[in-house]
Amino acid sequence: MLKRLKRALVESYIGAIALGWLLADDIMQFANIFATPIQEWAARHEYSNLIAKAPAPAASGLPLEFAEPAVIRFLLILAIWYGLVRWLYFDSPSKQASESVELE
């Protein structure tokens, strides 16, 4: 069943389209790794200006802990993308060796 699914995904270009979509989403997650801390810093800075009576937060730098979920999503999507590329478009070394033996 998996061989039929693999053949259908490769021959109909659905697999290539899905892999392209996953890669585009992964690139967006990579951009969010850098954009999220800047966004949070700007929001905190703007909020502290609106409420002048409250003391400013102790950490005035970029809050890098907000980038952690984006890093995890980036790595998971990249691992899924890599696994699908290997499964769809690259044969295993043992299969390649057996095919070369059959050809000789």
Protein backbone atom coordinates (compact mmCIF):
# COMPACT_ATOMS: atom_id res chain seq x y z
CA MET A 1 0.00 0.00 0.00
CA LEU A 2 2.83 2.41 0.81
CA LYS A 3 4.47 1.68 -2.54
CA ARG A 4 1.24 2.59 -4.34
CA LEU A 5 0.94 5.79 -2.30
CA LYS A 6 4.57 6.69 -3.00
CA ARG A 7 4.14 6.08 -6.73
CA ALA A 8 0.95 8.16 -6.82
CA LEU A 9 2.57 11.06 -4.96
CA VAL A 10 5.65 11.10 -7.19
CA GLU A 11 3.90 10.59 -10.53
CA SER A 12 1.08 13.08 -9.99
CA TYR A 13 3.30 15.88 -8.61
CA ILE A 14 1.12 16.07 -5.50
CA GLY A 15 4.16 15.07 -3.45
CA ALA A 16 6.28 17.84 -4.96
CA ILE A 17 3.58 20.42 -4.31
CA ALA A 18 3.14 19.24 -0.72
CA LEU A 19 6.90 19.28 -0.15
CA GLY A 20 7.11 22.80 -1.56
CA TRP A 21 4.33 23.92 0.74
CA LEU A 22 6.07 22.34 3.75
CA LEU A 23 9.36 23.98 2.82
CA ALA A 24 7.66 27.38 2.44
CA ASP A 25 6.03 26.95 5.85
CA ASP A 26 9.40 25.99 7.31
CA ILE A 27 10.99 29.13 5.88
CA MET A 28 8.23 31.19 7.49
CA GLN A 29 8.87 29.48 10.82
CA PHE A 30 12.57 30.29 10.46
CA ALA A 31 11.70 33.96 9.90
CA ASN A 32 9.44 33.85 12.97
CA ILE A 33 12.38 32.76 15.10
CA PHE A 34 13.81 36.25 14.64
CA ALA A 35 10.57 38.22 14.28
CA THR A 36 8.80 37.02 17.44
CA PRO A 37 11.31 38.38 20.00
CA ILE A 38 11.41 41.72 18.21
CA GLN A 39 7.61 41.84 18.12
CA GLU A 40 7.37 41.04 21.84
CA TRP A 41 10.02 43.61 22.69
CA ALA A 42 8.16 46.27 20.71
CA ALA A 43 4.86 45.34 22.36
CA ARG A 44 6.39 45.52 25.85
CA HIS A 45 8.08 48.81 25.03
CA GLU A 46 4.82 50.30 23.75
CA TYR A 47 2.87 48.94 26.73
CA SER A 48 5.36 50.39 29.23
CA ASN A 49 4.97 53.78 27.56
CA LEU A 50 1.19 53.58 27.91
CA ILE A 51 1.37 52.76 31.61
CA ALA A 52 3.92 55.21 32.96
CA LYS A 53 2.95 54.63 36.61
CA ALA A 54 4.01 50.99 36.66
CA PRO A 55 7.71 50.20 36.92
CA ALA A 56 9.41 49.10 33.74
CA PRO A 57 10.12 45.38 33.33
CA ALA A 58 13.52 44.29 34.61
CA ALA A 59 14.62 42.74 31.32
CA SER A 60 14.99 45.49 28.75
CA GLY A 61 16.60 43.31 26.07
CA LEU A 62 15.00 41.02 23.55
CA PRO A 63 12.87 38.31 25.18
CA LEU A 64 14.43 35.29 23.47
CA GLU A 65 12.19 32.81 25.29
CA PHE A 66 9.40 33.79 22.87
CA ALA A 67 11.45 32.32 20.01
CA GLU A 68 11.56 28.82 21.52
CA PRO A 69 8.19 27.62 20.12
CA ALA A 70 9.18 28.85 16.64
CA VAL A 71 12.51 27.01 16.87
CA ILE A 72 10.74 23.78 17.85
CA ARG A 73 8.17 24.15 15.03
CA PHE A 74 10.99 24.90 12.56
CA LEU A 75 12.95 21.79 13.52
CA LEU A 76 9.90 19.52 13.49
CA ILE A 77 8.71 20.70 10.08
CA LEU A 78 12.26 20.42 8.71
CA ALA A 79 12.54 16.84 10.00
CA ILE A 80 9.16 15.91 8.47
CA TRP A 81 10.13 17.54 5.17
CA TYR A 82 13.48 15.74 5.08
CA GLY A 83 11.87 12.41 5.88
CA LEU A 84 9.31 12.83 3.10
CA VAL A 85 11.97 13.87 0.56
CA ARG A 86 14.06 10.80 1.42
CA TRP A 87 11.05 8.51 1.23
CA LEU A 88 9.65 9.89 -2.02
CA TYR A 89 12.70 10.68 -4.10
CA PHE A 90 15.70 8.69 -2.84
CA ASP A 91 16.05 4.93 -2.84
CA SER A 92 17.64 3.10 0.05
CA PRO A 93 21.30 2.06 -0.46
CA SER A 94 20.44 -1.66 -0.14
CA LYS A 95 17.84 -1.35 -2.91
CA GLN A 96 20.33 0.45 -5.17
CA ALA A 97 22.95 -2.25 -4.54
CA SER A 98 20.53 -5.06 -5.36
CA GLU A 99 19.44 -3.32 -8.59
CA SER A 100 23.07 -2.89 -9.68
CA VAL A 101 23.75 -6.59 -9.04
CA GLU A 102 20.70 -7.55 -11.12
CA LEU A 103 21.87 -5.38 -14.03
CA GLU A 104 25.31 -7.06 -14.20
